Amino acid sequence: MDPNDVFVFGLTVAEFEDISLKVCVGGLIAYMIFIIGHLAWESKAGKYGAIWMFIGLGVGFIGFMAKGILQRLLGIE
């Protein structure tokens, strides 16, 4: 390791950014799932309506997760 590397909590800045991105985005996705579920419950959408709400509103973070999985499988990271 280069002695000039900056450390944050014992990690290099790049390692800290990588871990914090995954943790924070994961937390945001969990919060978005909670919001969609709460919206479905408040609107009394029923099972079928709630499924469509999760599909329609959750496509964005499903794509984000699929991108990460594909990158890992193809070794592109």
N, C-alpha and C. Protein backbone atom coordinates (compact mmCIF):
# COMPACT_ATOMS: atom_id res chain seq x y z
N MET A 1 0.83 -1.19 0.00
CA MET A 1 0.00 0.00 0.00
C MET A 1 0.87 1.25 0.00
N ASP A 2 0.37 2.26 -0.61
CA ASP A 2 1.07 3.54 -0.65
C ASP A 2 0.94 4.22 0.71
N PRO A 3 2.04 4.69 1.29
CA PRO A 3 1.94 5.34 2.61
C PRO A 3 1.15 6.64 2.58
N ASN A 4 0.87 7.16 1.38
CA ASN A 4 0.11 8.41 1.27
C ASN A 4 -1.40 8.17 1.17
N ASP A 5 -1.85 6.90 1.21
CA ASP A 5 -3.28 6.60 1.15
C ASP A 5 -3.97 7.19 2.36
N VAL A 6 -5.13 7.77 2.13
CA VAL A 6 -5.93 8.32 3.21
C VAL A 6 -6.83 7.21 3.72
N PHE A 7 -6.90 7.03 5.03
CA PHE A 7 -7.70 5.98 5.61
C PHE A 7 -8.91 6.55 6.34
N VAL A 8 -10.04 5.88 6.18
CA VAL A 8 -11.27 6.21 6.87
C VAL A 8 -11.72 4.94 7.55
N PHE A 9 -11.73 4.93 8.88
CA PHE A 9 -12.11 3.76 9.66
C PHE A 9 -11.28 2.53 9.27
N GLY A 10 -10.02 2.72 8.97
CA GLY A 10 -9.12 1.63 8.63
C GLY A 10 -9.22 1.16 7.19
N LEU A 11 -10.01 1.84 6.37
CA LEU A 11 -10.16 1.50 4.96
C LEU A 11 -9.62 2.63 4.11
N THR A 12 -9.22 2.32 2.89
CA THR A 12 -8.87 3.40 1.98
C THR A 12 -10.16 4.10 1.58
N VAL A 13 -10.01 5.28 1.01
CA VAL A 13 -11.19 6.05 0.63
C VAL A 13 -12.02 5.29 -0.40
N ALA A 14 -11.37 4.65 -1.36
CA ALA A 14 -12.10 3.90 -2.39
C ALA A 14 -12.89 2.74 -1.79
N GLU A 15 -12.28 2.01 -0.85
CA GLU A 15 -12.98 0.90 -0.19
C GLU A 15 -14.16 1.42 0.63
N PHE A 16 -13.94 2.52 1.35
CA PHE A 16 -15.02 3.10 2.16
C PHE A 16 -16.17 3.57 1.28
N GLU A 17 -15.86 4.21 0.15
CA GLU A 17 -16.90 4.68 -0.76
C GLU A 17 -17.68 3.51 -1.34
N ASP A 18 -16.99 2.43 -1.69
CA ASP A 18 -17.66 1.26 -2.27
C ASP A 18 -18.63 0.63 -1.26
N ILE A 19 -18.16 0.45 -0.04
CA ILE A 19 -19.00 -0.16 0.99
C ILE A 19 -20.17 0.75 1.36
N SER A 20 -19.89 2.04 1.54
CA SER A 20 -20.96 2.96 1.95
C SER A 20 -21.99 3.13 0.84
N LEU A 21 -21.57 3.08 -0.42
CA LEU A 21 -22.54 3.16 -1.52
C LEU A 21 -23.49 1.99 -1.47
N LYS A 22 -22.95 0.78 -1.31
CA LYS A 22 -23.80 -0.40 -1.27
C LYS A 22 -24.73 -0.40 -0.06
N VAL A 23 -24.22 0.00 1.09
CA VAL A 23 -25.04 0.02 2.30
C VAL A 23 -26.12 1.10 2.22
N CYS A 24 -25.74 2.29 1.78
CA CYS A 24 -26.70 3.40 1.73
C CYS A 24 -27.76 3.18 0.66
N VAL A 25 -27.36 2.70 -0.50
CA VAL A 25 -28.35 2.44 -1.55
C VAL A 25 -29.24 1.27 -1.14
N GLY A 26 -28.68 0.28 -0.47
CA GLY A 26 -29.51 -0.82 0.04
C GLY A 26 -30.53 -0.33 1.05
N GLY A 27 -30.11 0.57 1.93
CA GLY A 27 -31.05 1.16 2.89
C GLY A 27 -32.11 1.99 2.20
N LEU A 28 -31.73 2.72 1.17
CA LEU A 28 -32.70 3.52 0.42
C LEU A 28 -33.71 2.62 -0.28
N ILE A 29 -33.25 1.51 -0.84
CA ILE A 29 -34.15 0.57 -1.51
C ILE A 29 -35.12 -0.04 -0.50
N ALA A 30 -34.62 -0.40 0.68
CA ALA A 30 -35.50 -0.94 1.72
C ALA A 30 -36.55 0.09 2.13
N TYR A 31 -36.14 1.35 2.26
CA TYR A 31 -37.08 2.41 2.61
C TYR A 31 -38.11 2.62 1.50
N MET A 32 -37.68 2.53 0.23
CA MET A 32 -38.62 2.67 -0.88
C MET A 32 -39.63 1.54 -0.90
N ILE A 33 -39.20 0.32 -0.56
CA ILE A 33 -40.13 -0.80 -0.47
C ILE A 33 -41.16 -0.54 0.62
N PHE A 34 -40.71 -0.01 1.76
CA PHE A 34 -41.63 0.34 2.84
C PHE A 34 -42.63 1.40 2.36
N ILE A 35 -42.16 2.41 1.65
CA ILE A 35 -43.04 3.48 1.18
C ILE A 35 -44.07 2.92 0.20
N ILE A 36 -43.66 2.06 -0.72
CA ILE A 36 -44.60 1.48 -1.68
C ILE A 36 -45.64 0.63 -0.95
N GLY A 37 -45.19 -0.17 0.02
CA GLY A 37 -46.14 -0.97 0.80
C GLY A 37 -47.11 -0.11 1.58
N HIS A 38 -46.61 0.96 2.16
CA HIS A 38 -47.49 1.86 2.92
C HIS A 38 -48.48 2.55 1.98
N LEU A 39 -48.03 2.94 0.80
CA LEU A 39 -48.90 3.56 -0.19
C LEU A 39 -49.99 2.58 -0.63
N ALA A 40 -49.62 1.32 -0.83
CA ALA A 40 -50.60 0.31 -1.22
C ALA A 40 -51.61 0.08 -0.11
N TRP A 41 -51.15 0.09 1.13
CA TRP A 41 -52.05 -0.13 2.27
C TRP A 41 -52.99 1.05 2.46
N GLU A 42 -52.45 2.27 2.36
CA GLU A 42 -53.28 3.47 2.55
C GLU A 42 -54.32 3.61 1.44
N SER A 43 -53.99 3.21 0.23
CA SER A 43 -54.93 3.35 -0.88
C SER A 43 -55.90 2.18 -0.98
N LYS A 44 -55.72 1.17 -0.09
CA LYS A 44 -56.58 -0.03 -0.10
C LYS A 44 -56.59 -0.67 -1.49
N ALA A 45 -55.38 -0.87 -2.02
CA ALA A 45 -55.25 -1.36 -3.38
C ALA A 45 -55.59 -2.84 -3.51
N GLY A 46 -55.55 -3.60 -2.45
CA GLY A 46 -55.78 -5.04 -2.53
C GLY A 46 -54.52 -5.74 -2.99
N LYS A 47 -54.60 -7.07 -3.07
CA LYS A 47 -53.40 -7.84 -3.45
C LYS A 47 -52.95 -7.54 -4.86
N TYR A 48 -53.89 -7.56 -5.79
CA TYR A 48 -53.54 -7.37 -7.19
C TYR A 48 -53.01 -5.96 -7.43
N GLY A 49 -53.66 -4.98 -6.85
CA GLY A 49 -53.20 -3.60 -7.00
C GLY A 49 -51.84 -3.38 -6.35
N ALA A 50 -51.61 -4.00 -5.19
CA ALA A 50 -50.32 -3.86 -4.51
C ALA A 50 -49.21 -4.49 -5.33
N ILE A 51 -49.48 -5.62 -5.95
CA ILE A 51 -48.48 -6.27 -6.80
C ILE A 51 -48.11 -5.33 -7.94
N TRP A 52 -49.09 -4.72 -8.58
CA TRP A 52 -48.80 -3.81 -9.69
C TRP A 52 -48.09 -2.55 -9.22
N MET A 53 -48.40 -2.10 -8.01
CA MET A 53 -47.69 -0.94 -7.48
C MET A 53 -46.22 -1.27 -7.24
N PHE A 54 -45.96 -2.45 -6.67
CA PHE A 54 -44.58 -2.86 -6.45
C PHE A 54 -43.84 -3.05 -7.78
N ILE A 55 -44.50 -3.60 -8.77
CA ILE A 55 -43.87 -3.79 -10.08
C ILE A 55 -43.61 -2.43 -10.74
N GLY A 56 -44.64 -1.60 -10.78
CA GLY A 56 -44.52 -0.31 -11.46
C GLY A 56 -43.54 0.63 -10.81
N LEU A 57 -43.59 0.72 -9.50
CA LEU A 57 -42.72 1.67 -8.80
C LEU A 57 -41.36 1.08 -8.46
N GLY A 58 -41.24 -0.24 -8.49
CA GLY A 58 -39.99 -0.88 -8.11
C GLY A 58 -39.08 -1.24 -9.26
N VAL A 59 -39.46 -0.93 -10.48
CA VAL A 59 -38.65 -1.30 -11.64
C VAL A 59 -37.27 -0.63 -11.58
N GLY A 60 -37.20 0.57 -11.08
CA GLY A 60 -35.93 1.29 -11.04
C GLY A 60 -34.90 0.60 -10.18
N PHE A 61 -35.26 0.26 -8.95
CA PHE A 61 -34.25 -0.37 -8.10
C PHE A 61 -34.05 -1.84 -8.44
N ILE A 62 -35.00 -2.46 -9.09
CA ILE A 62 -34.77 -3.82 -9.58
C ILE A 62 -33.71 -3.78 -10.69
N GLY A 63 -33.79 -2.78 -11.55
CA GLY A 63 -32.77 -2.61 -12.58
C GLY A 63 -31.40 -2.32 -12.00
N PHE A 64 -31.36 -1.53 -10.92
CA PHE A 64 -30.09 -1.22 -10.26
C PHE A 64 -29.47 -2.49 -9.68
N MET A 65 -30.29 -3.32 -9.04
CA MET A 65 -29.76 -4.56 -8.48
C MET A 65 -29.33 -5.53 -9.58
N ALA A 66 -30.11 -5.59 -10.67
CA ALA A 66 -29.75 -6.48 -11.78
C ALA A 66 -28.43 -6.05 -12.42
N LYS A 67 -28.20 -4.75 -12.50
CA LYS A 67 -26.94 -4.24 -13.04
C LYS A 67 -25.77 -4.71 -12.20
N GLY A 68 -25.90 -4.63 -10.89
CA GLY A 68 -24.82 -5.08 -10.00
C GLY A 68 -24.56 -6.56 -10.11
N ILE A 69 -25.63 -7.35 -10.22
CA ILE A 69 -25.47 -8.80 -10.36
C ILE A 69 -24.80 -9.14 -11.68
N LEU A 70 -25.21 -8.49 -12.76
CA LEU A 70 -24.61 -8.75 -14.07
C LEU A 70 -23.13 -8.35 -14.10
N GLN A 71 -22.81 -7.23 -13.47
CA GLN A 71 -21.42 -6.81 -13.41
C GLN A 71 -20.57 -7.84 -12.67
N ARG A 72 -21.10 -8.35 -11.59
CA ARG A 72 -20.35 -9.34 -10.81
C ARG A 72 -20.20 -10.63 -11.60
N LEU A 73 -21.26 -11.07 -12.27
CA LEU A 73 -21.19 -12.32 -13.05
C LEU A 73 -20.21 -12.21 -14.22
N LEU A 74 -20.18 -11.05 -14.86
CA LEU A 74 -19.31 -10.87 -16.03
C LEU A 74 -17.93 -10.38 -15.64
N GLY A 75 -17.71 -10.06 -14.37
CA GLY A 75 -16.40 -9.62 -13.91
C GLY A 75 -16.02 -8.24 -14.42
N ILE A 76 -17.00 -7.36 -14.58
CA ILE A 76 -16.76 -6.04 -15.13
C ILE A 76 -16.37 -5.02 -14.05
N GLU A 77 -16.68 -5.29 -12.82
CA GLU A 77 -16.43 -4.31 -11.75
C GLU A 77 -15.06 -3.78 -11.89
